[in-house]
Amino acid sequence: MLNTQNTDIAEIEVDFVEEIKRLKKELNAVILAHFYQESEIQDIADYIGDSLQLAQEAQKTKADVIVFAGVHFMAETAKILNPDKLVLLPDLKAGCSLAEGCPAPLLQKFKDKNPDHIVISYINCSADVKAISDIICTSSNAEKIVKQLPVSQKIIFAPDKNLGKYLIKKTGREMKLWQGSCIVHETFSEKKIIKLKTEHPQAKIIAHPECEETVLNYADFIGSTSALLKFVQEDPAKEFIVATEPGILTQMTKKCPDKIFITAPPEASCSCNECPYMKLNTMEKLYLCMRDKTPEITMDEDLRVKALKPILRMLEMS
């Protein structure tokens, strides 16, 4: 229970959990939360998942209002799939370094120079980039999607170079890569991970494929956020060094309370392994966006229709 200063209900104590539950019923809303959200937001969400799981939930929801506790491209994806629903994002500044590092006009120029290539874009991109892509993918389904394409088909993969390099290694396919990266997954220190492994020799190292190859080379298992969560539940090991955003540890600890999870440290002495965009969402902002029905995600219909096609192709191929 916190004081909601700087709002029109200043000086009034609000129980955010109870108010969010009330508003959810009042609005017929569903709250979708990414694994990287703060634990209290995960606790109140209706669905928690990675990008693919949340896109699938957004596609099939019967709610009138979708409240997306994640980042902007995720809420955009929900709007693309649900043009007639109100889609809310607690903080419009919750962006993504991958999306910001791949402007649609520049990708279009890259595409024009390689007219015999199709564009597979990681879902961490803007609606404008989705609109000029042929297929969207997530880290959960990227390998599966690439393997479904004819060997003769040339591919541009955007915007994550690290995920692209991982896919080249896994599939044996040549791809032209957009040189984008995730500010979180590039921070993990190879040197510090080796030190952690020395201190915890029985621990298994698990990593997200957005990490740099120097880190992935030490991993016992590489997978999407949901795949990492599944792995720790099924693997007999009792200790894990986790090289991805530490928000996932909330669910790992809930699912496996008898196991130890160690966050892989960044190169610098900072909290750089936490996504600053994801952490912009708070319980107060979640409550206020539901109370005021804003910030709302809106989109030009022509753009939405163009961006929808590669998303639907992804969902069909998944």
C-alpha atoms as a PDB file:
ATOM      1  CA  MET A   1       0.000   0.000   0.000  1.00  0.00           C
ATOM      2  CA  LEU A   2       1.628   3.213  -1.184  1.00  0.00           C
ATOM      3  CA  ASN A   3       0.832   6.896  -1.398  1.00  0.00           C
ATOM      4  CA  THR A   4      -0.010   7.876  -4.979  1.00  0.00           C
ATOM      5  CA  GLN A   5       1.685  11.252  -5.117  1.00  0.00           C
ATOM      6  CA  ASN A   6       1.696  13.344  -8.294  1.00  0.00           C
ATOM      7  CA  THR A   7      -1.802  12.163  -9.234  1.00  0.00           C
ATOM      8  CA  ASP A   8      -5.250  13.582  -8.632  1.00  0.00           C
ATOM      9  CA  ILE A   9      -5.625  11.205  -5.706  1.00  0.00           C
ATOM     10  CA  ALA A  10      -2.600  12.498  -3.847  1.00  0.00           C
ATOM     11  CA  GLU A  11      -2.621  11.917  -0.114  1.00  0.00           C
ATOM     12  CA  ILE A  12      -4.909   8.873  -0.563  1.00  0.00           C
ATOM     13  CA  GLU A  13      -3.512   5.468   0.307  1.00  0.00           C
ATOM     14  CA  VAL A  14      -4.178   2.896  -2.416  1.00  0.00           C
ATOM     15  CA  ASP A  15      -3.895  -0.870  -2.167  1.00  0.00           C
ATOM     16  CA  PHE A  16      -2.637  -1.487  -5.671  1.00  0.00           C
ATOM     17  CA  VAL A  17      -3.264  -5.238  -5.624  1.00  0.00           C
ATOM     18  CA  GLU A  18      -6.917  -4.893  -4.621  1.00  0.00           C
ATOM     19  CA  GLU A  19      -7.533  -1.939  -6.934  1.00  0.00           C
ATOM     20  CA  ILE A  20      -5.970  -3.713  -9.912  1.00  0.00           C
ATOM     21  CA  LYS A  21      -8.121  -6.777  -9.220  1.00  0.00           C
ATOM     22  CA  ARG A  22     -11.221  -4.554  -9.017  1.00  0.00           C
ATOM     23  CA  LEU A  23     -10.390  -2.742 -12.244  1.00  0.00           C
ATOM     24  CA  LYS A  24      -9.680  -6.008 -14.001  1.00  0.00           C
ATOM     25  CA  LYS A  25     -13.247  -7.146 -13.316  1.00  0.00           C
ATOM     26  CA  GLU A  26     -14.728  -3.741 -14.091  1.00  0.00           C
ATOM     27  CA  LEU A  27     -12.953  -3.486 -17.447  1.00  0.00           C
ATOM     28  CA  ASN A  28     -13.094  -7.180 -18.340  1.00  0.00           C
ATOM     29  CA  ALA A  29      -9.344  -6.915 -18.686  1.00  0.00           C
ATOM     30  CA  VAL A  30      -6.548  -9.426 -18.953  1.00  0.00           C
ATOM     31  CA  ILE A  31      -3.047  -8.671 -17.661  1.00  0.00           C
ATOM     32  CA  LEU A  32      -0.205 -10.177 -19.688  1.00  0.00           C
ATOM     33  CA  ALA A  33       3.245 -10.005 -18.089  1.00  0.00           C
ATOM     34  CA  HIS A  34       6.663 -10.910 -19.416  1.00  0.00           C
ATOM     35  CA  PHE A  35       9.037 -13.034 -17.340  1.00  0.00           C
ATOM     36  CA  TYR A  36      11.305  -9.988 -16.928  1.00  0.00           C
ATOM     37  CA  GLN A  37       8.744  -7.932 -14.997  1.00  0.00           C
ATOM     38  CA  GLU A  38       9.102  -7.251 -11.271  1.00  0.00           C
ATOM     39  CA  SER A  39       7.868 -10.111  -9.092  1.00  0.00           C
ATOM     40  CA  GLU A  40       4.784  -8.265  -7.768  1.00  0.00           C
ATOM     41  CA  ILE A  41       3.590  -7.636 -11.333  1.00  0.00           C
ATOM     42  CA  GLN A  42       4.144 -11.289 -12.210  1.00  0.00           C
ATOM     43  CA  ASP A  43       2.142 -12.252  -9.128  1.00  0.00           C
ATOM     44  CA  ILE A  44      -0.953 -10.307 -10.223  1.00  0.00           C
ATOM     45  CA  ALA A  45      -0.809 -11.156 -13.936  1.00  0.00           C
ATOM     46  CA  ASP A  46      -3.271 -13.529 -15.575  1.00  0.00           C
ATOM     47  CA  TYR A  47      -0.611 -14.894 -17.886  1.00  0.00           C
ATOM     48  CA  ILE A  48       3.179 -14.843 -17.596  1.00  0.00           C
ATOM     49  CA  GLY A  49       5.363 -15.869 -20.480  1.00  0.00           C
ATOM     50  CA  ASP A  50       7.926 -15.108 -23.128  1.00  0.00           C
ATOM     51  CA  SER A  51       7.177 -13.195 -26.329  1.00  0.00           C
ATOM     52  CA  LEU A  52       5.704 -16.175 -28.188  1.00  0.00           C
ATOM     53  CA  GLN A  53       3.493 -17.312 -25.314  1.00  0.00           C
ATOM     54  CA  LEU A  54       2.186 -13.775 -24.749  1.00  0.00           C
ATOM     55  CA  ALA A  55       1.488 -13.290 -28.468  1.00  0.00           C
ATOM     56  CA  GLN A  56      -0.473 -16.544 -28.449  1.00  0.00           C
ATOM     57  CA  GLU A  57      -2.443 -15.454 -25.373  1.00  0.00           C
ATOM     58  CA  ALA A  58      -3.141 -12.064 -26.957  1.00  0.00           C
ATOM     59  CA  GLN A  59      -4.417 -13.804 -30.084  1.00  0.00           C
ATOM     60  CA  LYS A  60      -6.980 -15.927 -28.248  1.00  0.00           C
ATOM     61  CA  THR A  61      -8.092 -13.684 -25.375  1.00  0.00           C
ATOM     62  CA  LYS A  62     -11.811 -12.901 -24.932  1.00  0.00           C
ATOM     63  CA  ALA A  63     -11.120  -9.875 -22.727  1.00  0.00           C
ATOM     64  CA  ASP A  64     -12.185  -6.387 -23.811  1.00  0.00           C
ATOM     65  CA  VAL A  65      -8.993  -4.789 -22.511  1.00  0.00           C
ATOM     66  CA  ILE A  66      -5.408  -6.091 -22.767  1.00  0.00           C
ATOM     67  CA  VAL A  67      -3.007  -4.634 -20.218  1.00  0.00           C
ATOM     68  CA  PHE A  68       0.518  -5.457 -21.310  1.00  0.00           C
ATOM     69  CA  ALA A  69       3.124  -5.475 -18.553  1.00  0.00           C
ATOM     70  CA  GLY A  70       6.070  -5.651 -20.879  1.00  0.00           C
ATOM     71  CA  VAL A  71       7.628  -3.370 -23.464  1.00  0.00           C
ATOM     72  CA  HIS A  72       6.266  -1.378 -26.388  1.00  0.00           C
ATOM     73  CA  PHE A  73       6.780  -3.901 -29.196  1.00  0.00           C
ATOM     74  CA  MET A  74       4.883  -6.522 -27.181  1.00  0.00           C
ATOM     75  CA  ALA A  75       1.895  -4.237 -26.669  1.00  0.00           C
ATOM     76  CA  GLU A  76       2.044  -3.323 -30.363  1.00  0.00           C
ATOM     77  CA  THR A  77       1.900  -7.013 -31.249  1.00  0.00           C
ATOM     78  CA  ALA A  78      -1.192  -7.399 -29.071  1.00  0.00           C
ATOM     79  CA  LYS A  79      -2.829  -4.450 -30.853  1.00  0.00           C
ATOM     80  CA  ILE A  80      -1.931  -5.850 -34.270  1.00  0.00           C
ATOM     81  CA  LEU A  81      -3.699  -9.073 -33.306  1.00  0.00           C
ATOM     82  CA  ASN A  82      -6.619  -7.299 -31.597  1.00  0.00           C
ATOM     83  CA  PRO A  83      -7.594  -4.124 -33.488  1.00  0.00           C
ATOM     84  CA  ASP A  84     -10.938  -3.799 -31.721  1.00  0.00           C
ATOM     85  CA  LYS A  85      -9.612  -4.174 -28.186  1.00  0.00           C
ATOM     86  CA  LEU A  86      -8.221  -1.505 -25.904  1.00  0.00           C
ATOM     87  CA  VAL A  87      -4.513  -2.249 -25.405  1.00  0.00           C
ATOM     88  CA  LEU A  88      -2.761  -0.482 -22.542  1.00  0.00           C
ATOM     89  CA  LEU A  89       0.933  -0.211 -21.661  1.00  0.00           C
ATOM     90  CA  PRO A  90       1.815   1.134 -18.178  1.00  0.00           C
ATOM     91  CA  ASP A  91       4.721   3.228 -19.506  1.00  0.00           C
ATOM     92  CA  LEU A  92       5.106   4.225 -23.166  1.00  0.00           C
ATOM     93  CA  LYS A  93       8.834   4.726 -22.590  1.00  0.00           C
ATOM     94  CA  ALA A  94       9.236   0.980 -22.045  1.00  0.00           C
ATOM     95  CA  GLY A  95      11.045   0.361 -25.313  1.00  0.00           C
ATOM     96  CA  CYS A  96      13.691  -2.098 -26.496  1.00  0.00           C
ATOM     97  CA  SER A  97      17.269  -1.598 -27.648  1.00  0.00           C
ATOM     98  CA  LEU A  98      16.782  -4.144 -30.444  1.00  0.00           C
ATOM     99  CA  ALA A  99      13.708  -2.345 -31.767  1.00  0.00           C
ATOM    100  CA  GLU A 100      15.371   1.060 -31.483  1.00  0.00           C
ATOM    101  CA  GLY A 101      18.476  -0.193 -33.278  1.00  0.00           C
ATOM    102  CA  CYS A 102      16.590  -1.287 -36.379  1.00  0.00           C
ATOM    103  CA  PRO A 103      14.729   1.632 -38.030  1.00  0.00           C
ATOM    104  CA  ALA A 104      12.347   0.443 -40.745  1.00  0.00           C
ATOM    105  CA  PRO A 105      13.698   2.788 -43.487  1.00  0.00           C
ATOM    106  CA  LEU A 106      17.224   1.420 -43.035  1.00  0.00           C
ATOM    107  CA  LEU A 107      16.039  -2.188 -42.999  1.00  0.00           C
ATOM    108  CA  GLN A 108      14.057  -1.464 -46.172  1.00  0.00           C
ATOM    109  CA  LYS A 109      17.252  -0.245 -47.884  1.00  0.00           C
ATOM    110  CA  PHE A 110      19.045  -3.413 -46.730  1.00  0.00           C
ATOM    111  CA  LYS A 111      16.149  -5.463 -48.094  1.00  0.00           C
ATOM    112  CA  ASP A 112      16.184  -3.602 -51.436  1.00  0.00           C
ATOM    113  CA  LYS A 113      19.879  -4.424 -51.883  1.00  0.00           C
ATOM    114  CA  ASN A 114      19.072  -8.128 -51.438  1.00  0.00           C
ATOM    115  CA  PRO A 115      15.839  -8.638 -53.404  1.00  0.00           C
ATOM    116  CA  ASP A 116      16.230 -12.431 -53.542  1.00  0.00           C
ATOM    117  CA  HIS A 117      16.181 -12.683 -49.721  1.00  0.00           C
ATOM    118  CA  ILE A 118      13.182 -12.964 -47.457  1.00  0.00           C
ATOM    119  CA  VAL A 119      13.228 -11.095 -44.145  1.00  0.00           C
ATOM    120  CA  ILE A 120      12.779 -12.982 -40.899  1.00  0.00           C
ATOM    121  CA  SER A 121      12.517 -10.484 -38.064  1.00  0.00           C
ATOM    122  CA  TYR A 122      12.808 -11.269 -34.393  1.00  0.00           C
ATOM    123  CA  ILE A 123       9.641 -10.122 -32.653  1.00  0.00           C
ATOM    124  CA  ASN A 124      11.709  -7.530 -30.749  1.00  0.00           C
ATOM    125  CA  CYS A 125      11.080  -4.939 -33.451  1.00  0.00           C
ATOM    126  CA  SER A 126       8.653  -2.137 -34.260  1.00  0.00           C
ATOM    127  CA  ALA A 127       5.363  -2.519 -36.115  1.00  0.00           C
ATOM    128  CA  ASP A 128       6.995  -0.687 -39.039  1.00  0.00           C
ATOM    129  CA  VAL A 129       9.700  -3.350 -39.240  1.00  0.00           C
ATOM    130  CA  LYS A 130       7.154  -6.143 -38.921  1.00  0.00           C
ATOM    131  CA  ALA A 131       5.247  -4.596 -41.835  1.00  0.00           C
ATOM    132  CA  ILE A 132       8.227  -5.025 -44.191  1.00  0.00           C
ATOM    133  CA  SER A 133       9.133  -8.488 -42.903  1.00  0.00           C
ATOM    134  CA  ASP A 134       8.058 -11.801 -44.391  1.00  0.00           C
ATOM    135  CA  ILE A 135       8.039 -13.819 -41.177  1.00  0.00           C
ATOM    136  CA  ILE A 136       8.285 -12.867 -37.504  1.00  0.00           C
ATOM    137  CA  CYS A 137       9.941 -15.225 -35.025  1.00  0.00           C
ATOM    138  CA  THR A 138      10.788 -15.426 -31.344  1.00  0.00           C
ATOM    139  CA  SER A 139      13.709 -17.102 -29.639  1.00  0.00           C
ATOM    140  CA  SER A 140      11.318 -20.004 -28.909  1.00  0.00           C
ATOM    141  CA  ASN A 141      10.469 -20.764 -32.521  1.00  0.00           C
ATOM    142  CA  ALA A 142      13.229 -19.183 -34.656  1.00  0.00           C
ATOM    143  CA  GLU A 143      15.119 -22.430 -35.298  1.00  0.00           C
ATOM    144  CA  LYS A 144      11.908 -24.287 -36.133  1.00  0.00           C
ATOM    145  CA  ILE A 145      10.842 -21.567 -38.582  1.00  0.00           C
ATOM    146  CA  VAL A 146      14.208 -21.387 -40.367  1.00  0.00           C
ATOM    147  CA  LYS A 147      14.280 -25.170 -40.787  1.00  0.00           C
ATOM    148  CA  GLN A 148      10.855 -25.091 -42.490  1.00  0.00           C
ATOM    149  CA  LEU A 149      12.138 -22.889 -45.305  1.00  0.00           C
ATOM    150  CA  PRO A 150      13.632 -24.380 -48.492  1.00  0.00           C
ATOM    151  CA  VAL A 151      17.415 -24.632 -48.402  1.00  0.00           C
ATOM    152  CA  SER A 152      17.528 -22.552 -51.574  1.00  0.00           C
ATOM    153  CA  GLN A 153      15.720 -19.643 -49.898  1.00  0.00           C
ATOM    154  CA  LYS A 154      18.078 -16.796 -49.001  1.00  0.00           C
ATOM    155  CA  ILE A 155      17.435 -15.099 -45.672  1.00  0.00           C
ATOM    156  CA  ILE A 156      17.962 -11.737 -44.011  1.00  0.00           C
ATOM    157  CA  PHE A 157      17.694 -12.046 -40.234  1.00  0.00           C
ATOM    158  CA  ALA A 158      17.006  -8.933 -38.170  1.00  0.00           C
ATOM    159  CA  PRO A 159      17.589  -7.298 -35.783  1.00  0.00           C
ATOM    160  CA  ASP A 160      19.562  -9.483 -33.313  1.00  0.00           C
ATOM    161  CA  LYS A 161      23.005 -10.509 -34.612  1.00  0.00           C
ATOM    162  CA  ASN A 162      23.670 -12.830 -31.662  1.00  0.00           C
ATOM    163  CA  LEU A 163      20.445 -14.794 -32.137  1.00  0.00           C
ATOM    164  CA  GLY A 164      21.210 -14.809 -35.867  1.00  0.00           C
ATOM    165  CA  LYS A 165      24.694 -16.243 -35.330  1.00  0.00           C
ATOM    166  CA  TYR A 166      23.223 -18.897 -33.034  1.00  0.00           C
ATOM    167  CA  LEU A 167      20.663 -19.850 -35.710  1.00  0.00           C
ATOM    168  CA  ILE A 168      23.360 -20.106 -38.377  1.00  0.00           C
ATOM    169  CA  LYS A 169      25.259 -22.490 -36.115  1.00  0.00           C
ATOM    170  CA  LYS A 170      22.151 -24.556 -35.281  1.00  0.00           C
ATOM    171  CA  THR A 171      20.653 -24.763 -38.775  1.00  0.00           C
ATOM    172  CA  GLY A 172      23.720 -24.574 -41.007  1.00  0.00           C
ATOM    173  CA  ARG A 173      21.956 -21.905 -43.060  1.00  0.00           C
ATOM    174  CA  GLU A 174      23.726 -18.828 -44.351  1.00  0.00           C
ATOM    175  CA  MET A 175      21.966 -15.594 -43.438  1.00  0.00           C
ATOM    176  CA  LYS A 176      22.663 -11.907 -43.813  1.00  0.00           C
ATOM    177  CA  LEU A 177      22.452 -10.413 -40.324  1.00  0.00           C
ATOM    178  CA  TRP A 178      21.308  -6.999 -39.167  1.00  0.00           C
ATOM    179  CA  GLN A 179      23.880  -5.825 -36.634  1.00  0.00           C
ATOM    180  CA  GLY A 180      21.604  -5.215 -33.657  1.00  0.00           C
ATOM    181  CA  SER A 181      21.925  -6.489 -30.089  1.00  0.00           C
ATOM    182  CA  CYS A 182      20.207  -6.514 -26.712  1.00  0.00           C
ATOM    183  CA  ILE A 183      21.822  -4.164 -24.190  1.00  0.00           C
ATOM    184  CA  VAL A 184      21.081  -6.653 -21.403  1.00  0.00           C
ATOM    185  CA  HIS A 185      22.320  -9.871 -22.972  1.00  0.00           C
ATOM    186  CA  GLU A 186      25.534  -8.256 -24.212  1.00  0.00           C
ATOM    187  CA  THR A 187      26.552  -7.272 -20.692  1.00  0.00           C
ATOM    188  CA  PHE A 188      27.286 -10.746 -19.352  1.00  0.00           C
ATOM    189  CA  SER A 189      30.938 -11.228 -18.530  1.00  0.00           C
ATOM    190  CA  GLU A 190      32.728 -14.326 -19.815  1.00  0.00           C
ATOM    191  CA  LYS A 191      35.439 -13.829 -17.182  1.00  0.00           C
ATOM    192  CA  LYS A 192      32.945 -13.563 -14.300  1.00  0.00           C
ATOM    193  CA  ILE A 193      30.933 -16.566 -15.507  1.00  0.00           C
ATOM    194  CA  ILE A 194      34.121 -18.665 -15.500  1.00  0.00           C
ATOM    195  CA  LYS A 195      34.823 -17.458 -11.952  1.00  0.00           C
ATOM    196  CA  LEU A 196      31.277 -18.364 -10.867  1.00  0.00           C
ATOM    197  CA  LYS A 197      31.633 -21.812 -12.404  1.00  0.00           C
ATOM    198  CA  THR A 198      34.880 -22.292 -10.456  1.00  0.00           C
ATOM    199  CA  GLU A 199      33.082 -21.334  -7.237  1.00  0.00           C
ATOM    200  CA  HIS A 200      30.060 -23.520  -8.092  1.00  0.00           C
ATOM    201  CA  PRO A 201      31.509 -26.480 -10.046  1.00  0.00           C
ATOM    202  CA  GLN A 202      28.253 -28.456  -9.866  1.00  0.00           C
ATOM    203  CA  ALA A 203      26.165 -25.610 -11.288  1.00  0.00           C
ATOM    204  CA  LYS A 204      24.936 -25.797 -14.866  1.00  0.00           C
ATOM    205  CA  ILE A 205      25.195 -22.672 -17.002  1.00  0.00           C
ATOM    206  CA  ILE A 206      22.044 -21.844 -18.938  1.00  0.00           C
ATOM    207  CA  ALA A 207      21.827 -18.946 -21.385  1.00  0.00           C
ATOM    208  CA  HIS A 208      19.505 -17.075 -23.706  1.00  0.00           C
ATOM    209  CA  PRO A 209      20.617 -17.092 -27.381  1.00  0.00           C
ATOM    210  CA  GLU A 210      20.708 -13.277 -27.378  1.00  0.00           C
ATOM    211  CA  CYS A 211      23.943 -13.586 -25.385  1.00  0.00           C
ATOM    212  CA  GLU A 212      27.260 -13.215 -27.183  1.00  0.00           C
ATOM    213  CA  GLU A 213      28.911 -16.357 -28.542  1.00  0.00           C
ATOM    214  CA  THR A 214      31.745 -16.132 -25.991  1.00  0.00           C
ATOM    215  CA  VAL A 215      29.138 -16.670 -23.250  1.00  0.00           C
ATOM    216  CA  LEU A 216      27.099 -19.269 -25.151  1.00  0.00           C
ATOM    217  CA  ASN A 217      30.239 -21.392 -25.564  1.00  0.00           C
ATOM    218  CA  TYR A 218      30.159 -22.133 -21.813  1.00  0.00           C
ATOM    219  CA  ALA A 219      26.449 -22.939 -21.632  1.00  0.00           C
ATOM    220  CA  ASP A 220      25.173 -26.407 -20.788  1.00  0.00           C
ATOM    221  CA  PHE A 221      21.832 -25.372 -22.253  1.00  0.00           C
ATOM    222  CA  ILE A 222      20.767 -22.530 -24.554  1.00  0.00           C
ATOM    223  CA  GLY A 223      17.132 -21.576 -25.022  1.00  0.00           C
ATOM    224  CA  SER A 224      14.363 -19.014 -24.910  1.00  0.00           C
ATOM    225  CA  THR A 225      13.166 -17.715 -21.569  1.00  0.00           C
ATOM    226  CA  SER A 226      10.391 -20.302 -21.409  1.00  0.00           C
ATOM    227  CA  ALA A 227      12.801 -23.045 -22.488  1.00  0.00           C
ATOM    228  CA  LEU A 228      15.212 -22.076 -19.698  1.00  0.00           C
ATOM    229  CA  LEU A 229      12.352 -22.273 -17.188  1.00  0.00           C
ATOM    230  CA  LYS A 230      11.338 -25.701 -18.465  1.00  0.00           C
ATOM    231  CA  PHE A 231      14.943 -26.938 -18.396  1.00  0.00           C
ATOM    232  CA  VAL A 232      15.558 -26.112 -14.735  1.00  0.00           C
ATOM    233  CA  GLN A 233      12.363 -27.939 -13.791  1.00  0.00           C
ATOM    234  CA  GLU A 234      13.312 -31.101 -15.672  1.00  0.00           C
ATOM    235  CA  ASP A 235      17.075 -31.216 -15.139  1.00  0.00           C
ATOM    236  CA  PRO A 236      18.332 -33.011 -11.991  1.00  0.00           C
ATOM    237  CA  ALA A 237      21.001 -30.375 -11.237  1.00  0.00           C
ATOM    238  CA  LYS A 238      20.487 -28.390  -8.039  1.00  0.00           C
ATOM    239  CA  GLU A 239      22.411 -25.238  -9.008  1.00  0.00           C
ATOM    240  CA  PHE A 240      22.169 -23.084 -12.119  1.00  0.00           C
ATOM    241  CA  ILE A 241      24.042 -20.019 -13.343  1.00  0.00           C
ATOM    242  CA  VAL A 242      21.446 -18.090 -15.349  1.00  0.00           C
ATOM    243  CA  ALA A 243      22.592 -15.841 -18.206  1.00  0.00           C
ATOM    244  CA  THR A 244      19.485 -13.858 -19.011  1.00  0.00           C
ATOM    245  CA  GLU A 245      17.494 -11.026 -17.430  1.00  0.00           C
ATOM    246  CA  PRO A 246      17.115 -11.907 -13.718  1.00  0.00           C
ATOM    247  CA  GLY A 247      13.348 -11.383 -13.716  1.00  0.00           C
ATOM    248  CA  ILE A 248      12.988 -15.024 -14.770  1.00  0.00           C
ATOM    249  CA  LEU A 249      14.378 -16.095 -11.392  1.00  0.00           C
ATOM    250  CA  THR A 250      10.986 -15.263  -9.851  1.00  0.00           C
ATOM    251  CA  GLN A 251       9.338 -18.127 -11.724  1.00  0.00           C
ATOM    252  CA  MET A 252      12.337 -20.431 -11.442  1.00  0.00           C
ATOM    253  CA  THR A 253      12.323 -20.075  -7.673  1.00  0.00           C
ATOM    254  CA  LYS A 254       8.560 -20.639  -7.514  1.00  0.00           C
ATOM    255  CA  LYS A 255       8.738 -23.753  -9.667  1.00  0.00           C
ATOM    256  CA  CYS A 256      11.893 -25.143  -8.037  1.00  0.00           C
ATOM    257  CA  PRO A 257      12.137 -23.879  -4.443  1.00  0.00           C
ATOM    258  CA  ASP A 258      14.707 -26.560  -3.623  1.00  0.00           C
ATOM    259  CA  LYS A 259      17.176 -25.374  -6.272  1.00  0.00           C
ATOM    260  CA  ILE A 260      19.718 -22.547  -6.280  1.00  0.00           C
ATOM    261  CA  PHE A 261      19.741 -19.959  -9.067  1.00  0.00           C
ATOM    262  CA  ILE A 262      22.685 -17.620  -9.528  1.00  0.00           C
ATOM    263  CA  THR A 263      22.397 -14.599 -11.793  1.00  0.00           C
ATOM    264  CA  ALA A 264      25.217 -14.324 -14.305  1.00  0.00           C
ATOM    265  CA  PRO A 265      26.972 -11.015 -13.554  1.00  0.00           C
ATOM    266  CA  PRO A 266      27.557  -8.172 -16.025  1.00  0.00           C
ATOM    267  CA  GLU A 267      31.046  -6.955 -16.946  1.00  0.00           C
ATOM    268  CA  ALA A 268      30.651  -3.762 -14.924  1.00  0.00           C
ATOM    269  CA  SER A 269      29.785  -3.473 -11.243  1.00  0.00           C
ATOM    270  CA  CYS A 270      26.208  -2.434 -11.905  1.00  0.00           C
ATOM    271  CA  SER A 271      22.689  -3.756 -12.419  1.00  0.00           C
ATOM    272  CA  CYS A 272      23.244  -3.748 -16.194  1.00  0.00           C
ATOM    273  CA  ASN A 273      21.899  -7.289 -16.464  1.00  0.00           C
ATOM    274  CA  GLU A 274      18.441  -5.923 -15.589  1.00  0.00           C
ATOM    275  CA  CYS A 275      16.422  -4.574 -18.508  1.00  0.00           C
ATOM    276  CA  PRO A 276      15.891  -0.848 -17.781  1.00  0.00           C
ATOM    277  CA  TYR A 277      12.894  -0.788 -20.113  1.00  0.00           C
ATOM    278  CA  MET A 278      11.095  -3.702 -18.466  1.00  0.00           C
ATOM    279  CA  LYS A 279      11.695  -2.187 -15.055  1.00  0.00           C
ATOM    280  CA  LEU A 280       9.913   1.063 -16.018  1.00  0.00           C
ATOM    281  CA  ASN A 281       6.639  -0.720 -15.323  1.00  0.00           C
ATOM    282  CA  THR A 282       5.549  -0.566 -11.686  1.00  0.00           C
ATOM    283  CA  MET A 283       2.468  -1.552  -9.724  1.00  0.00           C
ATOM    284  CA  GLU A 284       1.482   2.105  -9.459  1.00  0.00           C
ATOM    285  CA  LYS A 285       1.768   2.642 -13.223  1.00  0.00           C
ATOM    286  CA  LEU A 286      -0.149  -0.579 -13.835  1.00  0.00           C
ATOM    287  CA  TYR A 287      -2.958   0.654 -11.579  1.00  0.00           C
ATOM    288  CA  LEU A 288      -3.023   4.149 -13.092  1.00  0.00           C
ATOM    289  CA  CYS A 289      -3.096   2.935 -16.692  1.00  0.00           C
ATOM    290  CA  MET A 290      -6.102   0.735 -15.864  1.00  0.00           C
ATOM    291  CA  ARG A 291      -7.823   3.482 -13.898  1.00  0.00           C
ATOM    292  CA  ASP A 292      -7.329   6.110 -16.617  1.00  0.00           C
ATOM    293  CA  LYS A 293      -7.376   3.741 -19.634  1.00  0.00           C
ATOM    294  CA  THR A 294      -4.163   5.276 -20.878  1.00  0.00           C
ATOM    295  CA  PRO A 295      -1.458   5.097 -22.263  1.00  0.00           C
ATOM    296  CA  GLU A 296      -3.271   3.341 -25.102  1.00  0.00           C
ATOM    297  CA  ILE A 297      -1.557   1.652 -28.028  1.00  0.00           C
ATOM    298  CA  THR A 298      -3.020   2.937 -31.297  1.00  0.00           C
ATOM    299  CA  MET A 299      -2.020   2.160 -34.863  1.00  0.00           C
ATOM    300  CA  ASP A 300      -2.791   3.115 -38.436  1.00  0.00           C
ATOM    301  CA  GLU A 301      -4.962   0.371 -39.918  1.00  0.00           C
ATOM    302  CA  ASP A 302      -2.891   0.009 -43.086  1.00  0.00           C
ATOM    303  CA  LEU A 303       0.261  -0.499 -40.994  1.00  0.00           C
ATOM    304  CA  ARG A 304      -1.550  -2.967 -38.733  1.00  0.00           C
ATOM    305  CA  VAL A 305      -2.736  -5.111 -41.638  1.00  0.00           C
ATOM    306  CA  LYS A 306       0.766  -5.219 -43.151  1.00  0.00           C
ATOM    307  CA  ALA A 307       2.342  -6.100 -39.785  1.00  0.00           C
ATOM    308  CA  LEU A 308      -0.296  -8.760 -39.104  1.00  0.00           C
ATOM    309  CA  LYS A 309       0.634 -10.970 -42.065  1.00  0.00           C
ATOM    310  CA  PRO A 310       4.153 -12.016 -40.900  1.00  0.00           C
ATOM    311  CA  ILE A 311       2.910 -12.478 -37.313  1.00  0.00           C
ATOM    312  CA  LEU A 312       0.156 -14.839 -38.462  1.00  0.00           C
ATOM    313  CA  ARG A 313       2.679 -16.723 -40.552  1.00  0.00           C
ATOM    314  CA  MET A 314       4.818 -17.117 -37.424  1.00  0.00           C
ATOM    315  CA  LEU A 315       1.886 -18.420 -35.398  1.00  0.00           C
ATOM    316  CA  GLU A 316       0.967 -20.863 -38.166  1.00  0.00           C
ATOM    317  CA  MET A 317       4.552 -22.134 -38.445  1.00  0.00           C
ATOM    318  CA  SER A 318       4.790 -22.506 -34.662  1.00  0.00           C
END
